[in-house]
């Protein structure tokens, strides 16, 4: 699993393109705004937990070692999962006219705490819901996926969490901010040699918790009488 990175040449591109490309965060406790993203609006649970101030050392549990800024895995938007359009039919030239709403990310943040032999991460995301041509104000379920991955020749998923976040688009607005904070994304602390390969990916996951179709059970052939 790989994540595209933003460089100076991309700053003039559209917000949607930047969101799809993803971003890199640094520091143990940090928040970052996607270049070209709209104003995230009034203070939220996200901004209250992740103020974007200078990165202090990670908090440590009693008896546990403290993790410095370089030992807190970065957070990136998973390639291809930075935006989500709901509505419209695949392959239909006029599909855009059937879009009810579009989701995108504007900020990511994280904090790390060492608790004994485990790394405890708090990861926050903030984004925006924009009504499409077929959209109407009301309730929206936002499917989010968090995944800690050890990158390398053979990427390995360490832990993954899926959740649906409820949001509401008021009757007098065409776009609103949403946010979520995953409080406990924990995993066994890897060796210092492996830790730089650990990345937390976030993204929209349409499939999410949808039940998988089970293959039809073939009935045994009737025995001849």
Protein backbone atom coordinates (compact mmCIF):
# COMPACT_ATOMS: atom_id res chain seq x y z
CA UNK A 1 0.00 0.00 0.00
CA UNK A 2 1.61 3.32 -1.03
CA UNK A 3 0.63 6.93 -0.57
CA UNK A 4 1.38 9.71 -3.04
CA UNK A 5 3.15 12.74 -1.53
CA UNK A 6 2.46 16.44 -2.02
CA UNK A 7 5.30 18.66 -3.38
CA UNK A 8 5.53 22.34 -4.33
CA UNK A 9 4.42 21.74 -7.93
CA UNK A 10 1.06 20.43 -6.76
CA UNK A 11 0.12 23.46 -4.64
CA UNK A 12 -1.68 25.13 -7.51
CA UNK A 13 -3.84 22.11 -8.27
CA UNK A 14 -7.42 21.73 -7.22
CA UNK A 15 -8.38 20.78 -3.67
CA UNK A 16 -9.81 17.45 -4.83
CA UNK A 17 -6.53 16.46 -6.47
CA UNK A 18 -4.57 17.33 -3.35
CA UNK A 19 -6.93 15.39 -1.16
CA UNK A 20 -6.55 12.32 -3.30
CA UNK A 21 -2.77 12.67 -3.25
CA UNK A 22 -2.55 12.67 0.57
CA UNK A 23 -0.11 14.34 2.93
CA UNK A 24 2.64 13.65 5.42
CA UNK A 25 2.57 14.79 9.05
CA UNK A 26 5.57 15.16 11.35
CA UNK A 27 5.94 15.40 15.10
CA UNK A 28 4.52 13.41 17.94
CA UNK A 29 1.47 15.59 18.47
CA UNK A 30 0.50 17.50 15.37
CA UNK A 31 -2.23 18.70 13.06
CA UNK A 32 -1.94 19.56 9.38
CA UNK A 33 -4.25 21.27 6.89
CA UNK A 34 -4.37 20.03 3.31
CA UNK A 35 -3.08 22.69 0.92
CA UNK A 36 -5.89 24.55 -0.80
CA UNK A 37 -8.51 23.12 1.57
CA UNK A 38 -11.45 25.29 2.64
CA UNK A 39 -11.63 26.92 6.05
CA UNK A 40 -12.49 24.10 8.51
CA UNK A 41 -14.99 26.37 10.24
CA UNK A 42 -15.65 26.82 13.96
CA UNK A 43 -13.74 24.93 16.70
CA UNK A 44 -14.61 21.24 16.92
CA UNK A 45 -13.69 18.15 18.94
CA UNK A 46 -10.87 17.70 16.45
CA UNK A 47 -9.35 21.15 17.00
CA UNK A 48 -9.76 20.96 20.77
CA UNK A 49 -7.71 17.75 20.91
CA UNK A 50 -5.18 18.67 18.22
CA UNK A 51 -4.32 22.34 18.45
CA UNK A 52 -1.43 22.15 16.00
CA UNK A 53 1.00 23.55 18.58
CA UNK A 54 4.68 22.64 18.75
CA UNK A 55 5.25 18.91 19.02
CA UNK A 56 6.00 17.87 22.62
CA UNK A 57 7.32 14.41 23.53
CA UNK A 58 4.68 11.71 23.66
CA UNK A 59 3.13 11.11 27.05
CA UNK A 60 4.35 7.95 28.77
CA UNK A 61 2.46 5.63 31.06
CA UNK A 62 3.86 5.02 34.52
CA UNK A 63 7.05 3.00 34.17
CA UNK A 64 6.99 3.19 30.36
CA UNK A 65 9.55 4.92 28.12
CA UNK A 66 8.66 8.22 26.44
CA UNK A 67 8.54 8.34 22.65
CA UNK A 68 10.05 11.37 20.94
CA UNK A 69 8.65 13.05 17.83
CA UNK A 70 10.49 10.72 15.46
CA UNK A 71 8.93 7.66 17.09
CA UNK A 72 5.29 8.57 16.38
CA UNK A 73 4.14 6.99 13.08
CA UNK A 74 3.01 9.48 10.42
CA UNK A 75 -0.59 9.65 9.21
CA UNK A 76 -1.41 9.64 5.50
CA UNK A 77 -4.49 9.56 3.31
CA UNK A 78 -4.71 6.19 1.59
CA UNK A 79 -4.28 6.54 -2.17
CA UNK A 80 -7.66 6.40 -3.89
CA UNK A 81 -9.58 6.86 -0.63
CA UNK A 82 -9.24 10.62 -0.10
CA UNK A 83 -12.61 11.53 -1.60
CA UNK A 84 -15.96 9.78 -1.83
CA UNK A 85 -18.89 10.68 -4.09
CA UNK A 86 -22.22 9.10 -3.16
CA UNK A 87 -24.90 8.66 -5.81
CA UNK A 88 -24.84 8.37 -9.57
CA UNK A 89 -24.36 5.24 -11.67
CA UNK A 90 -20.95 3.90 -12.63
CA UNK A 91 -20.29 4.29 -16.36
CA UNK A 92 -23.13 6.77 -16.86
CA UNK A 93 -21.90 9.95 -18.67
CA UNK A 94 -24.38 11.99 -16.63
CA UNK A 95 -23.46 10.28 -13.36
CA UNK A 96 -22.28 13.57 -11.84
CA UNK A 97 -25.85 14.84 -11.98
CA UNK A 98 -26.89 12.01 -9.68
CA UNK A 99 -24.30 12.73 -6.99
CA UNK A 100 -25.98 13.37 -3.65
CA UNK A 101 -22.91 14.46 -1.71
CA UNK A 102 -19.13 14.35 -1.84
CA UNK A 103 -16.77 13.79 1.08
CA UNK A 104 -13.16 14.93 1.36
CA UNK A 105 -10.47 15.34 4.02
CA UNK A 106 -9.03 18.71 5.09
CA UNK A 107 -6.91 17.89 8.16
CA UNK A 108 -5.19 14.96 9.87
CA UNK A 109 -3.54 14.80 13.29
CA UNK A 110 -2.16 12.31 15.80
CA UNK A 111 -0.74 11.86 19.28
CA UNK A 112 1.35 8.98 20.60
CA UNK A 113 1.69 7.50 24.07
CA UNK A 114 3.92 4.62 25.14
CA UNK A 115 2.13 2.32 27.58
CA UNK A 116 4.41 -0.49 28.65
CA UNK A 117 5.16 -2.57 25.57
CA UNK A 118 2.41 -0.93 23.47
CA UNK A 119 2.15 2.19 21.34
CA UNK A 120 -1.16 3.98 21.94
CA UNK A 121 -2.18 6.36 19.16
CA UNK A 122 -4.94 8.94 19.02
CA UNK A 123 -5.70 9.83 15.38
CA UNK A 124 -8.00 12.62 14.29
CA UNK A 125 -9.50 13.46 10.91
CA UNK A 126 -11.45 16.48 9.75
CA UNK A 127 -13.19 16.88 6.43
CA UNK A 128 -16.04 18.42 4.54
CA UNK A 129 -19.39 17.25 3.16
CA UNK A 130 -20.55 19.04 0.00
CA UNK A 131 -24.04 18.49 -1.41
CA UNK A 132 -24.12 17.41 -5.04
CA UNK A 133 -26.75 18.18 -7.74
CA UNK A 134 -29.05 15.46 -6.36
CA UNK A 135 -28.27 16.13 -2.71
CA UNK A 136 -30.67 17.30 -0.03
CA UNK A 137 -29.96 18.37 3.57
CA UNK A 138 -30.24 15.65 6.18
CA UNK A 139 -28.31 12.80 7.78
CA UNK A 140 -25.10 11.43 6.26
CA UNK A 141 -23.18 8.30 7.32
CA UNK A 142 -19.44 8.69 6.76
CA UNK A 143 -17.53 5.38 6.36
CA UNK A 144 -14.00 5.72 7.75
CA UNK A 145 -11.16 3.24 7.83
CA UNK A 146 -8.04 3.54 10.01
CA UNK A 147 -5.18 1.14 9.36
CA UNK A 148 -1.67 0.82 10.79
CA UNK A 149 0.56 -0.72 8.13
CA UNK A 150 4.16 -1.84 8.23
CA UNK A 151 5.42 -0.83 4.79
CA UNK A 152 8.11 -2.72 2.93
CA UNK A 153 8.58 -5.25 0.15
CA UNK A 154 5.57 -7.09 1.57
CA UNK A 155 3.33 -4.56 3.41
CA UNK A 156 1.70 -5.97 6.53
CA UNK A 157 -1.45 -4.65 8.21
CA UNK A 158 -0.84 -4.39 11.96
CA UNK A 159 -4.29 -3.23 13.05
CA UNK A 160 -7.34 -1.80 11.29
CA UNK A 161 -10.55 -0.18 12.49
CA UNK A 162 -13.70 0.72 10.58
CA UNK A 163 -16.44 3.05 11.81
CA UNK A 164 -19.43 4.93 10.45
CA UNK A 165 -19.60 8.55 11.60
CA UNK A 166 -23.04 10.22 11.70
CA UNK A 167 -23.21 13.78 10.40
CA UNK A 168 -25.97 16.25 9.61
CA UNK A 169 -26.29 18.78 6.78
CA UNK A 170 -28.62 21.60 7.97
CA UNK A 171 -31.43 22.79 5.77
CA UNK A 172 -29.79 26.16 5.16
CA UNK A 173 -26.31 24.88 4.21
CA UNK A 174 -24.81 23.16 1.18
CA UNK A 175 -21.59 22.03 2.88
CA UNK A 176 -20.48 21.31 6.44
CA UNK A 177 -17.39 20.19 8.35
CA UNK A 178 -17.20 16.76 9.97
CA UNK A 179 -14.58 15.33 12.32
CA UNK A 180 -13.68 12.14 14.14
CA UNK A 181 -11.05 11.10 16.67
CA UNK A 182 -10.06 7.45 17.01
CA UNK A 183 -9.06 7.35 20.66
CA UNK A 184 -7.28 4.00 20.86
CA UNK A 185 -5.38 2.75 17.85
CA UNK A 186 -2.93 0.55 19.75
CA UNK A 187 -0.38 -2.06 18.72
CA UNK A 188 2.75 -3.74 20.14
CA UNK A 189 5.72 -1.38 20.04
CA UNK A 190 8.05 -2.55 17.23
CA UNK A 191 11.82 -2.34 17.34
CA UNK A 192 13.44 1.03 16.58
CA UNK A 193 14.63 -0.41 13.27
CA UNK A 194 11.06 -1.27 12.17
CA UNK A 195 9.21 1.75 13.61
CA UNK A 196 10.00 4.13 10.68
CA UNK A 197 8.19 1.70 8.37
CA UNK A 198 4.93 2.05 10.35
CA UNK A 199 2.32 4.36 8.76
CA UNK A 200 -1.27 5.06 9.74
CA UNK A 201 -3.52 5.25 6.69
CA UNK A 202 -6.97 6.85 6.79
CA UNK A 203 -9.57 6.85 4.06
CA UNK A 204 -13.20 6.47 3.10
CA UNK A 205 -14.32 2.85 2.79
CA UNK A 206 -17.61 2.32 0.95
CA UNK A 207 -17.59 -1.43 1.53
CA UNK A 208 -16.76 -1.11 5.20
CA UNK A 209 -18.85 -3.42 7.32
CA UNK A 210 -21.12 -4.63 4.50
CA UNK A 211 -21.68 -8.39 4.82
CA UNK A 212 -19.93 -10.46 2.21
CA UNK A 213 -22.04 -12.65 -0.03
CA UNK A 214 -21.58 -16.29 0.74
CA UNK A 215 -21.22 -18.66 -2.20
CA UNK A 216 -24.32 -20.65 -2.96
CA UNK A 217 -24.31 -24.12 -1.45
CA UNK A 218 -24.66 -26.80 -4.09
CA UNK A 219 -27.26 -29.42 -3.31
CA UNK A 220 -26.02 -32.98 -3.62
CA UNK A 221 -27.23 -34.79 -6.71
CA UNK A 222 -30.29 -36.94 -6.13
CA UNK A 223 -29.48 -40.60 -5.85
CA UNK A 224 -31.05 -42.76 -8.54
CA UNK A 225 -33.93 -44.88 -7.23
